[in-house]
Amino acid sequence: DISWHGFAVKNPDWSPTSNSIALLITGEYNDDKDIFIIFHADMVSHTFELPKAPSGNPWRLIIDTAKAPGEDIIPEEDAPVFNEESYFTRKLSTVVFVA
């Protein structure tokens, strides 16, 4: 139910110098939601490609720890649909999408 990614889909960087990883938790096997999480512990911001949600549902951005308090966590029902194919992730942040 989990696949690993890096800046590019299906291309995780497992090297000892990498400070970023992303993972997709697939909900299709247990009738749950798809979740895509980016852990970006680098001192430089970077763009991450987003995989297609296995469910076919659109992604919704619900957490971005680089945003200001009050804007960093959005309830799923209030989160707008995110139609882009990538996301610019700020340094030292975690980002969560749900579909």
C-alpha atoms as a PDB file:
ATOM      1  CA  ASP A   1       0.000   0.000   0.000  1.00  0.00           C
ATOM      2  CA  ILE A   2       3.031   2.330   0.140  1.00  0.00           C
ATOM      3  CA  SER A   3       5.200   3.553  -2.717  1.00  0.00           C
ATOM      4  CA  TRP A   4       8.261   5.770  -2.336  1.00  0.00           C
ATOM      5  CA  HIS A   5       9.044   8.911  -4.318  1.00  0.00           C
ATOM      6  CA  GLY A   6      11.520  11.773  -4.476  1.00  0.00           C
ATOM      7  CA  PHE A   7      11.522  15.035  -6.404  1.00  0.00           C
ATOM      8  CA  ALA A   8      10.232  12.926  -9.295  1.00  0.00           C
ATOM      9  CA  VAL A   9       7.474  10.320  -9.063  1.00  0.00           C
ATOM     10  CA  LYS A  10       8.807   6.786  -8.441  1.00  0.00           C
ATOM     11  CA  ASN A  11      12.343   8.115  -8.021  1.00  0.00           C
ATOM     12  CA  PRO A  12      13.261   8.211  -4.317  1.00  0.00           C
ATOM     13  CA  ASP A  13      16.788   9.275  -3.410  1.00  0.00           C
ATOM     14  CA  TRP A  14      18.080   6.761  -0.860  1.00  0.00           C
ATOM     15  CA  SER A  15      21.596   8.229  -0.796  1.00  0.00           C
ATOM     16  CA  PRO A  16      23.109   9.245   2.562  1.00  0.00           C
ATOM     17  CA  THR A  17      23.118  12.915   1.486  1.00  0.00           C
ATOM     18  CA  SER A  18      19.388  13.070   0.679  1.00  0.00           C
ATOM     19  CA  ASN A  19      17.237  15.152   3.006  1.00  0.00           C
ATOM     20  CA  SER A  20      13.896  14.551   1.288  1.00  0.00           C
ATOM     21  CA  ILE A  21      11.503  11.684   0.719  1.00  0.00           C
ATOM     22  CA  ALA A  22       7.873  11.359  -0.292  1.00  0.00           C
ATOM     23  CA  LEU A  23       5.456   8.488   0.022  1.00  0.00           C
ATOM     24  CA  LEU A  24       2.075   7.540  -1.341  1.00  0.00           C
ATOM     25  CA  ILE A  25      -0.241   5.517   0.874  1.00  0.00           C
ATOM     26  CA  THR A  26      -2.826   3.890  -1.348  1.00  0.00           C
ATOM     27  CA  GLY A  27      -6.326   3.614   0.019  1.00  0.00           C
ATOM     28  CA  GLU A  28      -7.767   1.474  -2.780  1.00  0.00           C
ATOM     29  CA  TYR A  29      -7.213  -1.804  -0.936  1.00  0.00           C
ATOM     30  CA  ASN A  30      -9.121  -0.823   2.186  1.00  0.00           C
ATOM     31  CA  ASP A  31     -11.690   1.716   0.912  1.00  0.00           C
ATOM     32  CA  ASP A  32      -9.766   4.545   2.509  1.00  0.00           C
ATOM     33  CA  LYS A  33      -8.307   7.771   1.158  1.00  0.00           C
ATOM     34  CA  ASP A  34      -5.070   8.092  -0.809  1.00  0.00           C
ATOM     35  CA  ILE A  35      -2.465  10.120   1.070  1.00  0.00           C
ATOM     36  CA  PHE A  36       0.702  11.682  -0.377  1.00  0.00           C
ATOM     37  CA  ILE A  37       3.252  12.995   2.128  1.00  0.00           C
ATOM     38  CA  ILE A  38       6.403  14.999   1.405  1.00  0.00           C
ATOM     39  CA  PHE A  39       9.103  15.180   4.094  1.00  0.00           C
ATOM     40  CA  HIS A  40      11.538  17.892   3.019  1.00  0.00           C
ATOM     41  CA  ALA A  41      14.310  18.414   5.584  1.00  0.00           C
ATOM     42  CA  ASP A  42      16.648  20.252   3.218  1.00  0.00           C
ATOM     43  CA  MET A  43      17.761  23.888   3.623  1.00  0.00           C
ATOM     44  CA  VAL A  44      16.772  24.629   0.007  1.00  0.00           C
ATOM     45  CA  SER A  45      13.170  24.699  -1.239  1.00  0.00           C
ATOM     46  CA  HIS A  46      12.369  22.316  -4.099  1.00  0.00           C
ATOM     47  CA  THR A  47       9.566  21.251  -6.436  1.00  0.00           C
ATOM     48  CA  PHE A  48       8.133  17.731  -6.075  1.00  0.00           C
ATOM     49  CA  GLU A  49       6.130  15.976  -8.779  1.00  0.00           C
ATOM     50  CA  LEU A  50       2.790  14.645  -7.579  1.00  0.00           C
ATOM     51  CA  PRO A  51       1.701  11.137  -8.551  1.00  0.00           C
ATOM     52  CA  LYS A  52      -1.791  10.500  -9.823  1.00  0.00           C
ATOM     53  CA  ALA A  53      -4.071   9.451  -6.986  1.00  0.00           C
ATOM     54  CA  PRO A  54      -4.819   5.712  -7.392  1.00  0.00           C
ATOM     55  CA  SER A  55      -8.474   6.376  -6.591  1.00  0.00           C
ATOM     56  CA  GLY A  56      -8.710   8.839  -9.487  1.00  0.00           C
ATOM     57  CA  ASN A  57      -9.923  11.499  -7.071  1.00  0.00           C
ATOM     58  CA  PRO A  58      -8.291  14.937  -7.089  1.00  0.00           C
ATOM     59  CA  TRP A  59      -5.649  15.850  -4.550  1.00  0.00           C
ATOM     60  CA  ARG A  60      -6.460  18.324  -1.788  1.00  0.00           C
ATOM     61  CA  LEU A  61      -3.663  20.082   0.103  1.00  0.00           C
ATOM     62  CA  ILE A  62      -4.433  19.746   3.800  1.00  0.00           C
ATOM     63  CA  ILE A  63      -1.068  20.381   5.505  1.00  0.00           C
ATOM     64  CA  ASP A  64       1.922  22.566   4.644  1.00  0.00           C
ATOM     65  CA  THR A  65       4.047  23.280   7.710  1.00  0.00           C
ATOM     66  CA  ALA A  66       5.828  26.139   5.909  1.00  0.00           C
ATOM     67  CA  LYS A  67       2.639  28.215   5.860  1.00  0.00           C
ATOM     68  CA  ALA A  68       1.656  30.638   8.606  1.00  0.00           C
ATOM     69  CA  PRO A  69      -0.155  29.319  11.676  1.00  0.00           C
ATOM     70  CA  GLY A  70      -3.842  29.037  10.914  1.00  0.00           C
ATOM     71  CA  GLU A  71      -3.082  28.447   7.220  1.00  0.00           C
ATOM     72  CA  ASP A  72      -0.797  25.431   7.700  1.00  0.00           C
ATOM     73  CA  ILE A  73      -3.541  22.887   8.409  1.00  0.00           C
ATOM     74  CA  ILE A  74      -6.847  22.945   6.516  1.00  0.00           C
ATOM     75  CA  PRO A  75      -9.735  20.570   7.244  1.00  0.00           C
ATOM     76  CA  GLU A  76     -10.190  18.256   4.282  1.00  0.00           C
ATOM     77  CA  GLU A  77     -13.744  19.445   3.640  1.00  0.00           C
ATOM     78  CA  ASP A  78     -12.455  23.040   3.342  1.00  0.00           C
ATOM     79  CA  ALA A  79      -9.346  22.267   1.281  1.00  0.00           C
ATOM     80  CA  PRO A  80      -9.637  23.271  -2.383  1.00  0.00           C
ATOM     81  CA  VAL A  81      -8.883  20.799  -5.165  1.00  0.00           C
ATOM     82  CA  PHE A  82      -5.220  20.961  -6.206  1.00  0.00           C
ATOM     83  CA  ASN A  83      -4.958  20.430  -9.973  1.00  0.00           C
ATOM     84  CA  GLU A  84      -1.230  21.005 -10.477  1.00  0.00           C
ATOM     85  CA  GLU A  85       1.208  18.212 -11.344  1.00  0.00           C
ATOM     86  CA  SER A  86       3.867  19.432  -8.918  1.00  0.00           C
ATOM     87  CA  TYR A  87       4.198  21.329  -5.652  1.00  0.00           C
ATOM     88  CA  PHE A  88       6.875  23.824  -4.628  1.00  0.00           C
ATOM     89  CA  THR A  89       7.891  22.675  -1.166  1.00  0.00           C
ATOM     90  CA  ARG A  90       9.633  25.138   1.115  1.00  0.00           C
ATOM     91  CA  LYS A  91      12.735  24.179   3.043  1.00  0.00           C
ATOM     92  CA  LEU A  92      12.350  22.264   6.301  1.00  0.00           C
ATOM     93  CA  SER A  93       8.685  21.426   5.819  1.00  0.00           C
ATOM     94  CA  THR A  94       6.173  18.607   5.609  1.00  0.00           C
ATOM     95  CA  VAL A  95       3.307  18.615   3.112  1.00  0.00           C
ATOM     96  CA  VAL A  96       0.264  16.329   3.061  1.00  0.00           C
ATOM     97  CA  PHE A  97      -2.225  15.818   0.224  1.00  0.00           C
ATOM     98  CA  VAL A  98      -5.326  13.633   0.449  1.00  0.00           C
ATOM     99  CA  ALA A  99      -7.553  12.264  -2.338  1.00  0.00           C
END
